[in-house]
PDB file of N, CA and C in Angstrom:
ATOM      1  N   MET A   1      78.424 -25.395   8.272  1.00  0.00           N
ATOM      2  CA  MET A   1      77.037 -25.389   7.639  1.00  0.00           C
ATOM      3  C   MET A   1      75.813 -27.175   7.906  1.00  0.00           C
ATOM      4  N   PRO A   2      75.169 -26.329   8.321  1.00  0.00           N
ATOM      5  CA  PRO A   2      73.614 -26.942   7.742  1.00  0.00           C
ATOM      6  C   PRO A   2      73.407 -28.016   6.898  1.00  0.00           C
ATOM      7  N   PHE A   3      72.633 -29.379   6.572  1.00  0.00           N
ATOM      8  CA  PHE A   3      72.470 -29.969   5.583  1.00  0.00           C
ATOM      9  C   PHE A   3      71.409 -30.417   5.387  1.00  0.00           C
ATOM     10  N   ARG A   4      70.386 -30.626   4.289  1.00  0.00           N
ATOM     11  CA  ARG A   4      68.650 -31.282   4.516  1.00  0.00           C
ATOM     12  C   ARG A   4      69.038 -32.958   4.278  1.00  0.00           C
ATOM     13  N   ASN A   5      68.394 -33.314   5.496  1.00  0.00           N
ATOM     14  CA  ASN A   5      68.628 -34.819   5.327  1.00  0.00           C
ATOM     15  C   ASN A   5      67.151 -34.871   5.817  1.00  0.00           C
ATOM     16  N   PRO A   6      66.115 -35.064   4.799  1.00  0.00           N
ATOM     17  CA  PRO A   6      65.234 -35.520   5.135  1.00  0.00           C
ATOM     18  C   PRO A   6      64.669 -36.932   5.363  1.00  0.00           C
ATOM     19  N   GLY A   7      65.337 -37.829   5.457  1.00  0.00           N
ATOM     20  CA  GLY A   7      65.233 -38.780   5.977  1.00  0.00           C
ATOM     21  C   GLY A   7      65.426 -38.980   7.205  1.00  0.00           C
ATOM     22  N   ARG A   8      65.944 -38.086   7.740  1.00  0.00           N
ATOM     23  CA  ARG A   8      66.692 -38.549   9.230  1.00  0.00           C
ATOM     24  C   ARG A   8      65.483 -38.230  10.279  1.00  0.00           C
ATOM     25  N   VAL A   9      65.173 -39.374  11.281  1.00  0.00           N
ATOM     26  CA  VAL A   9      64.402 -38.612  12.116  1.00  0.00           C
ATOM     27  C   VAL A   9      65.032 -37.966  13.275  1.00  0.00           C
ATOM     28  N   VAL A  10      63.929 -36.866  13.400  1.00  0.00           N
ATOM     29  CA  VAL A  10      65.073 -35.691  14.552  1.00  0.00           C
ATOM     30  C   VAL A  10      63.760 -36.174  15.603  1.00  0.00           C
ATOM     31  N   ASP A  11      64.341 -36.030  17.078  1.00  0.00           N
ATOM     32  CA  ASP A  11      63.918 -36.743  18.377  1.00  0.00           C
ATOM     33  C   ASP A  11      63.854 -35.137  19.414  1.00  0.00           C
ATOM     34  N   ILE A  12      62.403 -34.937  19.995  1.00  0.00           N
ATOM     35  CA  ILE A  12      62.338 -33.871  20.338  1.00  0.00           C
ATOM     36  C   ILE A  12      63.207 -34.096  21.646  1.00  0.00           C
ATOM     37  N   ALA A  13      63.093 -35.388  22.035  1.00  0.00           N
ATOM     38  CA  ALA A  13      63.832 -35.397  23.919  1.00  0.00           C
ATOM     39  C   ALA A  13      65.213 -34.728  23.421  1.00  0.00           C
ATOM     40  N   GLU A  14      66.051 -35.081  22.281  1.00  0.00           N
ATOM     41  CA  GLU A  14      67.295 -34.891  21.665  1.00  0.00           C
ATOM     42  C   GLU A  14      67.760 -33.477  21.843  1.00  0.00           C
ATOM     43  N   ARG A  15      66.552 -32.930  21.215  1.00  0.00           N
ATOM     44  CA  ARG A  15      66.807 -31.209  21.343  1.00  0.00           C
ATOM     45  C   ARG A  15      66.865 -30.838  22.770  1.00  0.00           C
ATOM     46  N   LEU A  16      65.754 -31.282  23.530  1.00  0.00           N
ATOM     47  CA  LEU A  16      65.388 -30.549  25.074  1.00  0.00           C
ATOM     48  C   LEU A  16      66.833 -31.257  25.545  1.00  0.00           C
ATOM     49  N   VAL A  17      67.290 -32.007  25.561  1.00  0.00           N
ATOM     50  CA  VAL A  17      68.900 -32.484  26.031  1.00  0.00           C
ATOM     51  C   VAL A  17      69.687 -31.386  25.972  1.00  0.00           C
ATOM     52  N   PHE A  18      70.099 -30.925  24.685  1.00  0.00           N
ATOM     53  CA  PHE A  18      70.734 -29.987  24.279  1.00  0.00           C
ATOM     54  C   PHE A  18      70.462 -28.776  24.944  1.00  0.00           C
ATOM     55  N   CYS A  19      69.396 -28.390  24.717  1.00  0.00           N
ATOM     56  CA  CYS A  19      68.954 -26.775  25.744  1.00  0.00           C
ATOM     57  C   CYS A  19      69.488 -27.149  27.010  1.00  0.00           C
ATOM     58  N   VAL A  20      69.140 -28.749  27.547  1.00  0.00           N
ATOM     59  CA  VAL A  20      69.265 -28.324  29.629  1.00  0.00           C
ATOM     60  C   VAL A  20      70.503 -28.568  29.447  1.00  0.00           C
ATOM     61  N   LYS A  21      71.363 -28.654  28.589  1.00  0.00           N
ATOM     62  CA  LYS A  21      72.694 -28.744  28.928  1.00  0.00           C
ATOM     63  C   LYS A  21      73.628 -27.985  28.704  1.00  0.00           C
ATOM     64  N   ASN A  22      72.862 -27.126  27.985  1.00  0.00           N
ATOM     65  CA  ASN A  22      73.023 -25.494  27.581  1.00  0.00           C
ATOM     66  C   ASN A  22      72.715 -24.821  28.704  1.00  0.00           C
ATOM     67  N   ASN A  23      72.028 -25.041  28.879  1.00  0.00           N
ATOM     68  CA  ASN A  23      71.085 -23.792  29.927  1.00  0.00           C
ATOM     69  C   ASN A  23      70.504 -22.802  29.052  1.00  0.00           C
ATOM     70  N   ALA A  24      69.818 -23.143  27.703  1.00  0.00           N
ATOM     71  CA  ALA A  24      68.828 -22.702  27.001  1.00  0.00           C
ATOM     72  C   ALA A  24      67.380 -22.647  27.784  1.00  0.00           C
ATOM     73  N   LEU A  25      67.061 -20.927  27.081  1.00  0.00           N
ATOM     74  CA  LEU A  25      65.787 -20.679  27.827  1.00  0.00           C
ATOM     75  C   LEU A  25      64.563 -21.300  26.803  1.00  0.00           C
ATOM     76  N   ASP A  26      65.036 -21.474  26.049  1.00  0.00           N
ATOM     77  CA  ASP A  26      64.065 -21.794  24.431  1.00  0.00           C
ATOM     78  C   ASP A  26      64.594 -22.347  23.684  1.00  0.00           C
ATOM     79  N   LEU A  27      63.743 -23.050  22.651  1.00  0.00           N
ATOM     80  CA  LEU A  27      63.959 -24.250  21.443  1.00  0.00           C
ATOM     81  C   LEU A  27      63.025 -24.103  20.252  1.00  0.00           C
ATOM     82  N   HIS A  28      64.069 -23.365  19.484  1.00  0.00           N
ATOM     83  CA  HIS A  28      63.292 -22.790  18.000  1.00  0.00           C
ATOM     84  C   HIS A  28      63.407 -23.706  17.004  1.00  0.00           C
ATOM     85  N   LEU A  29      62.073 -23.872  16.814  1.00  0.00           N
ATOM     86  CA  LEU A  29      62.224 -25.879  15.576  1.00  0.00           C
ATOM     87  C   LEU A  29      61.421 -24.931  14.533  1.00  0.00           C
ATOM     88  N   SER A  30      62.271 -24.288  13.372  1.00  0.00           N
ATOM     89  CA  SER A  30      61.726 -23.763  12.070  1.00  0.00           C
ATOM     90  C   SER A  30      61.671 -24.863  10.325  1.00  0.00           C
ATOM     91  N   ALA A  31      60.765 -24.775  10.031  1.00  0.00           N
ATOM     92  CA  ALA A  31      61.268 -25.543   8.670  1.00  0.00           C
ATOM     93  C   ALA A  31      62.413 -24.608   7.807  1.00  0.00           C
ATOM     94  N   GLY A  32      63.293 -25.286   7.195  1.00  0.00           N
ATOM     95  CA  GLY A  32      64.220 -24.637   6.695  1.00  0.00           C
ATOM     96  C   GLY A  32      65.583 -24.118   7.765  1.00  0.00           C
ATOM     97  N   LEU A  33      65.903 -24.381   8.578  1.00  0.00           N
ATOM     98  CA  LEU A  33      66.394 -24.179   9.266  1.00  0.00           C
ATOM     99  C   LEU A  33      66.750 -25.346  10.569  1.00  0.00           C
ATOM    100  N   PRO A  34      68.413 -25.226  11.010  1.00  0.00           N
ATOM    101  CA  PRO A  34      68.578 -26.292  11.545  1.00  0.00           C
ATOM    102  C   PRO A  34      67.271 -25.718  13.629  1.00  0.00           C
ATOM    103  N   PRO A  35      67.255 -27.005  14.400  1.00  0.00           N
ATOM    104  CA  PRO A  35      66.724 -26.127  15.675  1.00  0.00           C
ATOM    105  C   PRO A  35      67.789 -25.413  16.136  1.00  0.00           C
ATOM    106  N   MET A  36      67.233 -24.453  17.004  1.00  0.00           N
ATOM    107  CA  MET A  36      68.351 -23.530  17.199  1.00  0.00           C
ATOM    108  C   MET A  36      67.269 -23.184  19.174  1.00  0.00           C
ATOM    109  N   ALA A  37      68.439 -22.575  19.410  1.00  0.00           N
ATOM    110  CA  ALA A  37      68.838 -22.843  20.787  1.00  0.00           C
ATOM    111  C   ALA A  37      68.583 -21.210  21.687  1.00  0.00           C
ATOM    112  N   ARG A  38      67.929 -20.664  22.339  1.00  0.00           N
ATOM    113  CA  ARG A  38      68.486 -19.102  23.286  1.00  0.00           C
ATOM    114  C   ARG A  38      69.322 -19.635  24.005  1.00  0.00           C
ATOM    115  N   VAL A  39      70.628 -19.380  24.127  1.00  0.00           N
ATOM    116  CA  VAL A  39      71.202 -19.452  25.667  1.00  0.00           C
ATOM    117  C   VAL A  39      72.484 -18.071  25.572  1.00  0.00           C
ATOM    118  N   ASP A  40      71.553 -17.984  26.964  1.00  0.00           N
ATOM    119  CA  ASP A  40      72.698 -16.218  27.344  1.00  0.00           C
ATOM    120  C   ASP A  40      72.573 -15.028  26.028  1.00  0.00           C
ATOM    121  N   GLY A  41      70.750 -14.924  26.406  1.00  0.00           N
ATOM    122  CA  GLY A  41      70.208 -14.351  24.888  1.00  0.00           C
ATOM    123  C   GLY A  41      70.840 -14.589  23.494  1.00  0.00           C
ATOM    124  N   GLU A  42      71.618 -15.206  22.719  1.00  0.00           N
ATOM    125  CA  GLU A  42      71.744 -15.694  21.844  1.00  0.00           C
ATOM    126  C   GLU A  42      71.341 -16.868  20.961  1.00  0.00           C
ATOM    127  N   MET A  43      71.087 -17.177  19.999  1.00  0.00           N
ATOM    128  CA  MET A  43      70.340 -17.904  19.182  1.00  0.00           C
ATOM    129  C   MET A  43      71.664 -19.114  18.785  1.00  0.00           C
ATOM    130  N   ARG A  44      71.604 -20.247  19.135  1.00  0.00           N
ATOM    131  CA  ARG A  44      72.952 -20.977  18.610  1.00  0.00           C
ATOM    132  C   ARG A  44      72.336 -22.022  17.984  1.00  0.00           C
ATOM    133  N   ARG A  45      72.738 -22.243  16.848  1.00  0.00           N
ATOM    134  CA  ARG A  45      71.924 -23.496  16.323  1.00  0.00           C
ATOM    135  C   ARG A  45      72.666 -25.270  16.957  1.00  0.00           C
ATOM    136  N   ASN A  46      71.908 -25.916  16.705  1.00  0.00           N
ATOM    137  CA  ASN A  46      72.124 -27.396  16.963  1.00  0.00           C
ATOM    138  C   ASN A  46      73.157 -27.710  15.321  1.00  0.00           C
ATOM    139  N   ASN A  47      73.829 -28.475  15.685  1.00  0.00           N
ATOM    140  CA  ASN A  47      74.655 -28.792  15.138  1.00  0.00           C
ATOM    141  C   ASN A  47      74.197 -30.222  14.053  1.00  0.00           C
ATOM    142  N   VAL A  48      72.964 -30.070  13.826  1.00  0.00           N
ATOM    143  CA  VAL A  48      72.265 -30.976  12.891  1.00  0.00           C
ATOM    144  C   VAL A  48      71.641 -30.739  11.275  1.00  0.00           C
ATOM    145  N   PRO A  49      71.202 -30.997  10.966  1.00  0.00           N
ATOM    146  CA  PRO A  49      70.113 -30.702   9.256  1.00  0.00           C
ATOM    147  C   PRO A  49      69.388 -30.127   9.091  1.00  0.00           C
ATOM    148  N   LEU A  50      69.535 -29.260   8.274  1.00  0.00           N
ATOM    149  CA  LEU A  50      67.931 -27.950   8.422  1.00  0.00           C
ATOM    150  C   LEU A  50      66.756 -29.146   9.046  1.00  0.00           C
ATOM    151  N   LEU A  51      65.696 -28.868   9.231  1.00  0.00           N
ATOM    152  CA  LEU A  51      64.670 -29.545   9.206  1.00  0.00           C
ATOM    153  C   LEU A  51      63.346 -28.955   7.726  1.00  0.00           C
ATOM    154  N   GLU A  52      62.896 -30.045   8.003  1.00  0.00           N
ATOM    155  CA  GLU A  52      62.019 -30.141   6.592  1.00  0.00           C
ATOM    156  C   GLU A  52      61.017 -29.657   7.454  1.00  0.00           C
ATOM    157  N   HIS A  53      59.365 -29.221   6.679  1.00  0.00           N
ATOM    158  CA  HIS A  53      58.082 -28.900   7.742  1.00  0.00           C
ATOM    159  C   HIS A  53      58.034 -30.605   8.390  1.00  0.00           C
ATOM    160  N   LYS A  54      57.723 -31.408   7.801  1.00  0.00           N
ATOM    161  CA  LYS A  54      56.769 -32.729   8.249  1.00  0.00           C
ATOM    162  C   LYS A  54      58.281 -33.023   9.007  1.00  0.00           C
ATOM    163  N   GLN A  55      59.273 -32.547   9.764  1.00  0.00           N
ATOM    164  CA  GLN A  55      60.019 -33.001  10.583  1.00  0.00           C
ATOM    165  C   GLN A  55      59.064 -32.103  11.759  1.00  0.00           C
ATOM    166  N   VAL A  56      59.513 -30.727  11.391  1.00  0.00           N
ATOM    167  CA  VAL A  56      58.991 -30.196  12.638  1.00  0.00           C
ATOM    168  C   VAL A  56      57.516 -30.497  13.019  1.00  0.00           C
ATOM    169  N   HIS A  57      56.630 -30.274  12.384  1.00  0.00           N
ATOM    170  CA  HIS A  57      55.887 -31.177  12.727  1.00  0.00           C
ATOM    171  C   HIS A  57      55.219 -32.386  13.513  1.00  0.00           C
ATOM    172  N   SER A  58      56.264 -32.882  12.978  1.00  0.00           N
ATOM    173  CA  SER A  58      56.102 -34.550  13.746  1.00  0.00           C
ATOM    174  C   SER A  58      57.099 -34.235  15.345  1.00  0.00           C
ATOM    175  N   LEU A  59      57.611 -33.159  15.398  1.00  0.00           N
ATOM    176  CA  LEU A  59      58.379 -32.943  16.579  1.00  0.00           C
ATOM    177  C   LEU A  59      57.177 -32.197  17.656  1.00  0.00           C
ATOM    178  N   VAL A  60      56.118 -31.455  17.034  1.00  0.00           N
ATOM    179  CA  VAL A  60      55.516 -30.666  17.851  1.00  0.00           C
ATOM    180  C   VAL A  60      54.059 -31.325  18.265  1.00  0.00           C
ATOM    181  N   ASP A  61      53.670 -32.257  16.972  1.00  0.00           N
ATOM    182  CA  ASP A  61      52.518 -32.039  17.138  1.00  0.00           C
ATOM    183  C   ASP A  61      51.661 -32.995  18.508  1.00  0.00           C
ATOM    184  N   ASP A  62      52.654 -34.280  18.775  1.00  0.00           N
ATOM    185  CA  ASP A  62      52.598 -35.033  20.131  1.00  0.00           C
ATOM    186  C   ASP A  62      52.459 -34.096  21.509  1.00  0.00           C
ATOM    187  N   ILE A  63      53.051 -32.275  21.659  1.00  0.00           N
ATOM    188  CA  ILE A  63      53.339 -31.988  22.536  1.00  0.00           C
ATOM    189  C   ILE A  63      52.390 -30.978  22.674  1.00  0.00           C
ATOM    190  N   MET A  64      51.487 -30.465  21.100  1.00  0.00           N
ATOM    191  CA  MET A  64      50.862 -29.494  21.710  1.00  0.00           C
ATOM    192  C   MET A  64      49.243 -29.894  22.486  1.00  0.00           C
ATOM    193  N   ASN A  65      48.410 -28.900  22.434  1.00  0.00           N
ATOM    194  CA  ASN A  65      47.158 -28.811  22.659  1.00  0.00           C
ATOM    195  C   ASN A  65      46.106 -28.855  21.470  1.00  0.00           C
ATOM    196  N   ASP A  66      44.992 -28.927  21.994  1.00  0.00           N
ATOM    197  CA  ASP A  66      43.714 -28.505  20.845  1.00  0.00           C
ATOM    198  C   ASP A  66      44.524 -27.367  20.007  1.00  0.00           C
ATOM    199  N   LYS A  67      44.033 -26.122  20.976  1.00  0.00           N
ATOM    200  CA  LYS A  67      44.342 -24.910  20.824  1.00  0.00           C
ATOM    201  C   LYS A  67      45.369 -24.308  19.508  1.00  0.00           C
ATOM    202  N   GLN A  68      46.503 -25.112  20.666  1.00  0.00           N
ATOM    203  CA  GLN A  68      48.012 -24.212  19.563  1.00  0.00           C
ATOM    204  C   GLN A  68      48.112 -25.731  18.933  1.00  0.00           C
ATOM    205  N   ARG A  69      47.670 -26.691  18.398  1.00  0.00           N
ATOM    206  CA  ARG A  69      47.156 -27.336  16.987  1.00  0.00           C
ATOM    207  C   ARG A  69      46.479 -26.633  15.778  1.00  0.00           C
ATOM    208  N   TRP A  70      45.228 -25.924  16.876  1.00  0.00           N
ATOM    209  CA  TRP A  70      44.354 -25.198  15.633  1.00  0.00           C
ATOM    210  C   TRP A  70      45.647 -23.958  14.876  1.00  0.00           C
ATOM    211  N   ASP A  71      46.069 -23.220  15.884  1.00  0.00           N
ATOM    212  CA  ASP A  71      46.630 -22.117  15.714  1.00  0.00           C
ATOM    213  C   ASP A  71      48.302 -22.264  14.664  1.00  0.00           C
ATOM    214  N   TYR A  72      48.358 -23.517  14.734  1.00  0.00           N
ATOM    215  CA  TYR A  72      49.840 -24.307  13.847  1.00  0.00           C
ATOM    216  C   TYR A  72      48.950 -24.575  12.441  1.00  0.00           C
ATOM    217  N   LYS A  73      48.037 -25.420  12.247  1.00  0.00           N
ATOM    218  CA  LYS A  73      47.220 -25.561  11.282  1.00  0.00           C
ATOM    219  C   LYS A  73      46.862 -24.118  10.496  1.00  0.00           C
ATOM    220  N   GLU A  74      46.338 -23.357  10.865  1.00  0.00           N
ATOM    221  CA  GLU A  74      46.094 -21.972  10.620  1.00  0.00           C
ATOM    222  C   GLU A  74      46.978 -20.708   9.749  1.00  0.00           C
ATOM    223  N   SER A  75      48.201 -20.723  10.653  1.00  0.00           N
ATOM    224  CA  SER A  75      49.289 -19.926  10.450  1.00  0.00           C
ATOM    225  C   SER A  75      50.524 -21.076  10.310  1.00  0.00           C
ATOM    226  N   LEU A  76      50.752 -22.347  10.476  1.00  0.00           N
ATOM    227  CA  LEU A  76      51.959 -22.726  10.567  1.00  0.00           C
ATOM    228  C   LEU A  76      52.957 -21.701  11.211  1.00  0.00           C
ATOM    229  N   GLU A  77      52.352 -21.364  12.216  1.00  0.00           N
ATOM    230  CA  GLU A  77      53.261 -21.157  13.388  1.00  0.00           C
ATOM    231  C   GLU A  77      52.458 -21.471  15.032  1.00  0.00           C
ATOM    232  N   THR A  78      53.365 -21.300  15.825  1.00  0.00           N
ATOM    233  CA  THR A  78      52.852 -21.522  17.301  1.00  0.00           C
ATOM    234  C   THR A  78      53.858 -21.267  17.673  1.00  0.00           C
ATOM    235  N   ASN A  79      53.508 -20.811  19.555  1.00  0.00           N
ATOM    236  CA  ASN A  79      54.375 -20.399  20.587  1.00  0.00           C
ATOM    237  C   ASN A  79      54.001 -20.949  21.492  1.00  0.00           C
ATOM    238  N   PHE A  80      54.611 -22.168  22.319  1.00  0.00           N
ATOM    239  CA  PHE A  80      54.246 -22.224  23.262  1.00  0.00           C
ATOM    240  C   PHE A  80      55.515 -23.080  24.670  1.00  0.00           C
ATOM    241  N   SER A  81      55.069 -22.998  25.628  1.00  0.00           N
ATOM    242  CA  SER A  81      55.961 -23.400  26.419  1.00  0.00           C
ATOM    243  C   SER A  81      55.512 -25.225  26.950  1.00  0.00           C
ATOM    244  N   PHE A  82      56.570 -25.606  27.512  1.00  0.00           N
ATOM    245  CA  PHE A  82      56.144 -27.610  27.899  1.00  0.00           C
ATOM    246  C   PHE A  82      57.100 -27.853  28.325  1.00  0.00           C
TER     247      PHE A  82
END
């Protein structure tokens, strides 16, 4: 079962490496859940702690463009490819 660890730094590169190694098509990052990847049409949880809102924000902020940042700020969600 995933656990909370708000002090742990979560690296987007680690999550992307997990996706590549597992032939994942999507990476899903949501506060209150561990990172998840879509592999063969099924969602697979990464074996890491649940993400806090600040962790999700720090993971995606640097790779979003201005419109995506605005959408995220307005609705606390966004969908984009990288």
